[in-house]
Amino acid sequence: MDYQIADFQATDELRITETEIKKIAFLDLASARSNPEVNFAIVEDVEEILDNMALYLAYMIDSQWDIQTFDSKGEAYQWLEINPKR
């Protein structure tokens, strides 16, 4: 896998606990150890989701993945083309 896109643009709210975010991050950290060459684009524009993503990013600080947040899928796709890890 070269990249992931998590698109939250159609989401008004995200019902997730801090514990659940931590679990997702730890699963992703394990995935990053076996597949470190991944670009991960997060697309979001809602304040609550931004807060959740900030927490996720804090847990992922030691990840080998290159993780960026974007306001639109177009920006994310442009970044993925500029930053290929192939």
N, C-alpha and C. Protein backbone atom coordinates (compact mmCIF):
# COMPACT_ATOMS: atom_id res chain seq x y z
N MET A 1 0.85 -1.17 0.00
CA MET A 1 0.00 0.00 0.00
C MET A 1 0.90 1.23 0.00
N ASP A 2 0.63 2.15 -0.91
CA ASP A 2 1.41 3.37 -1.02
C ASP A 2 0.80 4.55 -0.26
N TYR A 3 -0.53 4.57 -0.16
CA TYR A 3 -1.18 5.71 0.49
C TYR A 3 -2.54 5.31 1.05
N GLN A 4 -3.03 6.17 1.93
CA GLN A 4 -4.39 6.08 2.47
C GLN A 4 -4.99 7.48 2.43
N ILE A 5 -6.29 7.53 2.21
CA ILE A 5 -7.03 8.78 2.34
C ILE A 5 -8.20 8.53 3.29
N ALA A 6 -8.28 9.32 4.33
CA ALA A 6 -9.44 9.29 5.23
C ALA A 6 -10.21 10.58 4.97
N ASP A 7 -11.38 10.44 4.36
CA ASP A 7 -12.17 11.61 3.95
C ASP A 7 -13.35 11.80 4.90
N PHE A 8 -13.30 12.84 5.69
CA PHE A 8 -14.34 13.15 6.66
C PHE A 8 -15.19 14.35 6.23
N GLN A 9 -15.11 14.76 4.98
CA GLN A 9 -15.82 15.96 4.53
C GLN A 9 -17.34 15.86 4.67
N ALA A 10 -17.89 14.70 4.49
CA ALA A 10 -19.35 14.55 4.58
C ALA A 10 -19.80 14.26 6.01
N THR A 11 -18.89 14.39 6.96
CA THR A 11 -19.17 14.08 8.36
C THR A 11 -19.39 15.36 9.15
N ASP A 12 -20.54 15.45 9.83
CA ASP A 12 -20.83 16.61 10.67
C ASP A 12 -20.28 16.43 12.08
N GLU A 13 -20.27 15.19 12.55
CA GLU A 13 -19.75 14.91 13.88
C GLU A 13 -19.13 13.51 13.87
N LEU A 14 -18.24 13.30 14.80
CA LEU A 14 -17.55 12.02 14.89
C LEU A 14 -17.70 11.54 16.32
N ARG A 15 -18.47 10.48 16.49
CA ARG A 15 -18.70 9.94 17.83
C ARG A 15 -17.64 8.89 18.12
N ILE A 16 -16.59 9.33 18.76
CA ILE A 16 -15.47 8.46 19.06
C ILE A 16 -14.84 8.94 20.35
N THR A 17 -14.42 7.99 21.17
CA THR A 17 -13.80 8.35 22.44
C THR A 17 -12.29 8.46 22.28
N GLU A 18 -11.67 9.08 23.25
CA GLU A 18 -10.21 9.18 23.23
C GLU A 18 -9.58 7.79 23.25
N THR A 19 -10.17 6.87 24.00
CA THR A 19 -9.66 5.50 24.05
C THR A 19 -9.73 4.84 22.68
N GLU A 20 -10.81 5.07 21.95
CA GLU A 20 -10.94 4.50 20.60
C GLU A 20 -9.92 5.10 19.64
N ILE A 21 -9.69 6.40 19.75
CA ILE A 21 -8.67 7.05 18.91
C ILE A 21 -7.30 6.46 19.21
N LYS A 22 -7.03 6.25 20.49
CA LYS A 22 -5.74 5.67 20.90
C LYS A 22 -5.58 4.26 20.33
N LYS A 23 -6.63 3.46 20.37
CA LYS A 23 -6.57 2.10 19.82
C LYS A 23 -6.30 2.13 18.32
N ILE A 24 -6.98 3.01 17.61
CA ILE A 24 -6.77 3.14 16.16
C ILE A 24 -5.32 3.53 15.88
N ALA A 25 -4.82 4.49 16.63
CA ALA A 25 -3.44 4.94 16.44
C ALA A 25 -2.45 3.81 16.71
N PHE A 26 -2.67 3.04 17.76
CA PHE A 26 -1.74 1.95 18.05
C PHE A 26 -1.79 0.86 16.98
N LEU A 27 -2.97 0.59 16.42
CA LEU A 27 -3.06 -0.35 15.30
C LEU A 27 -2.31 0.20 14.09
N ASP A 28 -2.47 1.50 13.83
CA ASP A 28 -1.76 2.11 12.71
C ASP A 28 -0.25 2.13 12.94
N LEU A 29 0.18 2.34 14.18
CA LEU A 29 1.62 2.28 14.47
C LEU A 29 2.18 0.90 14.18
N ALA A 30 1.42 -0.14 14.52
CA ALA A 30 1.86 -1.50 14.22
C ALA A 30 1.91 -1.71 12.71
N SER A 31 0.92 -1.20 12.00
CA SER A 31 0.92 -1.31 10.53
C SER A 31 2.11 -0.57 9.93
N ALA A 32 2.45 0.57 10.51
CA ALA A 32 3.56 1.37 10.00
C ALA A 32 4.90 0.65 10.16
N ARG A 33 5.01 -0.18 11.18
CA ARG A 33 6.26 -0.94 11.36
C ARG A 33 6.45 -1.96 10.24
N SER A 34 5.36 -2.56 9.78
CA SER A 34 5.49 -3.55 8.71
C SER A 34 5.39 -2.94 7.32
N ASN A 35 4.83 -1.74 7.22
CA ASN A 35 4.69 -1.06 5.93
C ASN A 35 4.96 0.44 6.14
N PRO A 36 6.23 0.82 6.28
CA PRO A 36 6.56 2.20 6.65
C PRO A 36 6.44 3.22 5.52
N GLU A 37 6.37 2.78 4.28
CA GLU A 37 6.40 3.70 3.14
C GLU A 37 4.99 4.10 2.70
N VAL A 38 4.25 4.73 3.60
CA VAL A 38 2.87 5.11 3.32
C VAL A 38 2.69 6.62 3.51
N ASN A 39 2.02 7.24 2.57
CA ASN A 39 1.53 8.61 2.72
C ASN A 39 0.08 8.53 3.15
N PHE A 40 -0.29 9.22 4.22
CA PHE A 40 -1.64 9.16 4.76
C PHE A 40 -2.22 10.57 4.75
N ALA A 41 -3.24 10.78 3.93
CA ALA A 41 -3.91 12.07 3.81
C ALA A 41 -5.24 12.03 4.56
N ILE A 42 -5.44 13.00 5.44
CA ILE A 42 -6.69 13.12 6.18
C ILE A 42 -7.40 14.37 5.67
N VAL A 43 -8.62 14.20 5.17
CA VAL A 43 -9.39 15.31 4.61
C VAL A 43 -10.54 15.62 5.57
N GLU A 44 -10.54 16.83 6.12
CA GLU A 44 -11.57 17.22 7.08
C GLU A 44 -11.64 18.74 7.17
N ASP A 45 -12.82 19.22 7.59
CA ASP A 45 -12.99 20.66 7.71
C ASP A 45 -13.97 21.05 8.82
N VAL A 46 -14.22 20.14 9.75
CA VAL A 46 -15.12 20.39 10.87
C VAL A 46 -14.28 20.46 12.15
N GLU A 47 -14.50 21.47 12.96
CA GLU A 47 -13.67 21.72 14.14
C GLU A 47 -13.56 20.50 15.06
N GLU A 48 -14.68 19.84 15.34
CA GLU A 48 -14.66 18.67 16.23
C GLU A 48 -13.78 17.57 15.65
N ILE A 49 -13.87 17.38 14.35
CA ILE A 49 -13.07 16.34 13.71
C ILE A 49 -11.60 16.76 13.71
N LEU A 50 -11.33 18.04 13.52
CA LEU A 50 -9.95 18.53 13.61
C LEU A 50 -9.35 18.22 14.97
N ASP A 51 -10.13 18.40 16.03
CA ASP A 51 -9.66 18.11 17.37
C ASP A 51 -9.32 16.63 17.52
N ASN A 52 -10.20 15.76 17.00
CA ASN A 52 -9.95 14.32 17.07
C ASN A 52 -8.71 13.94 16.27
N MET A 53 -8.53 14.55 15.11
CA MET A 53 -7.37 14.24 14.28
C MET A 53 -6.08 14.72 14.95
N ALA A 54 -6.15 15.84 15.66
CA ALA A 54 -4.98 16.33 16.39
C ALA A 54 -4.55 15.31 17.45
N LEU A 55 -5.51 14.72 18.11
CA LEU A 55 -5.21 13.69 19.11
C LEU A 55 -4.59 12.46 18.43
N TYR A 56 -5.18 12.03 17.33
CA TYR A 56 -4.64 10.90 16.57
C TYR A 56 -3.20 11.20 16.14
N LEU A 57 -2.96 12.39 15.62
CA LEU A 57 -1.61 12.76 15.17
C LEU A 57 -0.62 12.78 16.33
N ALA A 58 -1.07 13.18 17.50
CA ALA A 58 -0.19 13.16 18.67
C ALA A 58 0.25 11.74 19.00
N TYR A 59 -0.67 10.79 18.90
CA TYR A 59 -0.32 9.39 19.14
C TYR A 59 0.59 8.84 18.04
N MET A 60 0.46 9.38 16.84
CA MET A 60 1.23 8.88 15.69
C MET A 60 2.56 9.60 15.49
N ILE A 61 2.98 10.40 16.43
CA ILE A 61 4.16 11.24 16.27
C ILE A 61 5.42 10.44 15.92
N ASP A 62 5.54 9.22 16.41
CA ASP A 62 6.73 8.40 16.13
C ASP A 62 6.55 7.47 14.94
N SER A 63 5.46 7.62 14.22
CA SER A 63 5.19 6.77 13.06
C SER A 63 6.14 7.09 11.90
N GLN A 64 6.43 6.07 11.11
CA GLN A 64 7.21 6.28 9.89
C GLN A 64 6.36 6.85 8.77
N TRP A 65 5.04 6.80 8.91
CA TRP A 65 4.16 7.31 7.87
C TRP A 65 4.26 8.83 7.78
N ASP A 66 4.11 9.33 6.58
CA ASP A 66 4.00 10.77 6.35
C ASP A 66 2.50 11.09 6.37
N ILE A 67 2.05 11.78 7.41
CA ILE A 67 0.62 12.06 7.60
C ILE A 67 0.40 13.56 7.50
N GLN A 68 -0.56 13.95 6.65
CA GLN A 68 -0.89 15.37 6.46
C GLN A 68 -2.41 15.53 6.48
N THR A 69 -2.88 16.69 6.90
CA THR A 69 -4.31 16.99 6.85
C THR A 69 -4.58 18.03 5.77
N PHE A 70 -5.78 17.92 5.16
CA PHE A 70 -6.15 18.78 4.04
C PHE A 70 -7.61 19.19 4.17
N ASP A 71 -7.95 20.32 3.53
CA ASP A 71 -9.33 20.81 3.51
C ASP A 71 -10.14 20.21 2.37
N SER A 72 -9.47 19.62 1.37
CA SER A 72 -10.19 19.06 0.22
C SER A 72 -9.46 17.82 -0.30
N LYS A 73 -10.24 16.96 -0.97
CA LYS A 73 -9.62 15.78 -1.59
C LYS A 73 -8.68 16.18 -2.70
N GLY A 74 -8.99 17.27 -3.41
CA GLY A 74 -8.11 17.74 -4.47
C GLY A 74 -6.72 18.05 -3.95
N GLU A 75 -6.65 18.75 -2.82
CA GLU A 75 -5.36 19.05 -2.21
C GLU A 75 -4.64 17.77 -1.79
N ALA A 76 -5.40 16.83 -1.24
CA ALA A 76 -4.81 15.56 -0.81
C ALA A 76 -4.24 14.79 -2.00
N TYR A 77 -5.01 14.70 -3.08
CA TYR A 77 -4.52 13.99 -4.26
C TYR A 77 -3.31 14.68 -4.87
N GLN A 78 -3.30 16.00 -4.86
CA GLN A 78 -2.14 16.73 -5.38
C GLN A 78 -0.91 16.41 -4.53
N TRP A 79 -1.05 16.39 -3.23
CA TRP A 79 0.06 16.06 -2.33
C TRP A 79 0.56 14.64 -2.58
N LEU A 80 -0.37 13.71 -2.77
CA LEU A 80 0.02 12.32 -3.02
C LEU A 80 0.81 12.19 -4.32
N GLU A 81 0.46 12.97 -5.33
CA GLU A 81 1.21 12.94 -6.59
C GLU A 81 2.60 13.54 -6.42
N ILE A 82 2.70 14.55 -5.58
CA ILE A 82 3.98 15.22 -5.35
C ILE A 82 4.87 14.37 -4.45
N ASN A 83 4.28 13.59 -3.56
CA ASN A 83 5.03 12.83 -2.57
C ASN A 83 4.89 11.32 -2.74
N PRO A 84 5.15 10.78 -3.92
CA PRO A 84 5.01 9.33 -4.07
C PRO A 84 6.11 8.60 -3.29
N LYS A 85 5.74 7.48 -2.68
CA LYS A 85 6.72 6.64 -1.99
C LYS A 85 6.78 5.29 -2.69
N ARG A 86 7.03 5.31 -3.95
CA ARG A 86 7.07 4.05 -4.72
C ARG A 86 8.48 3.71 -5.10
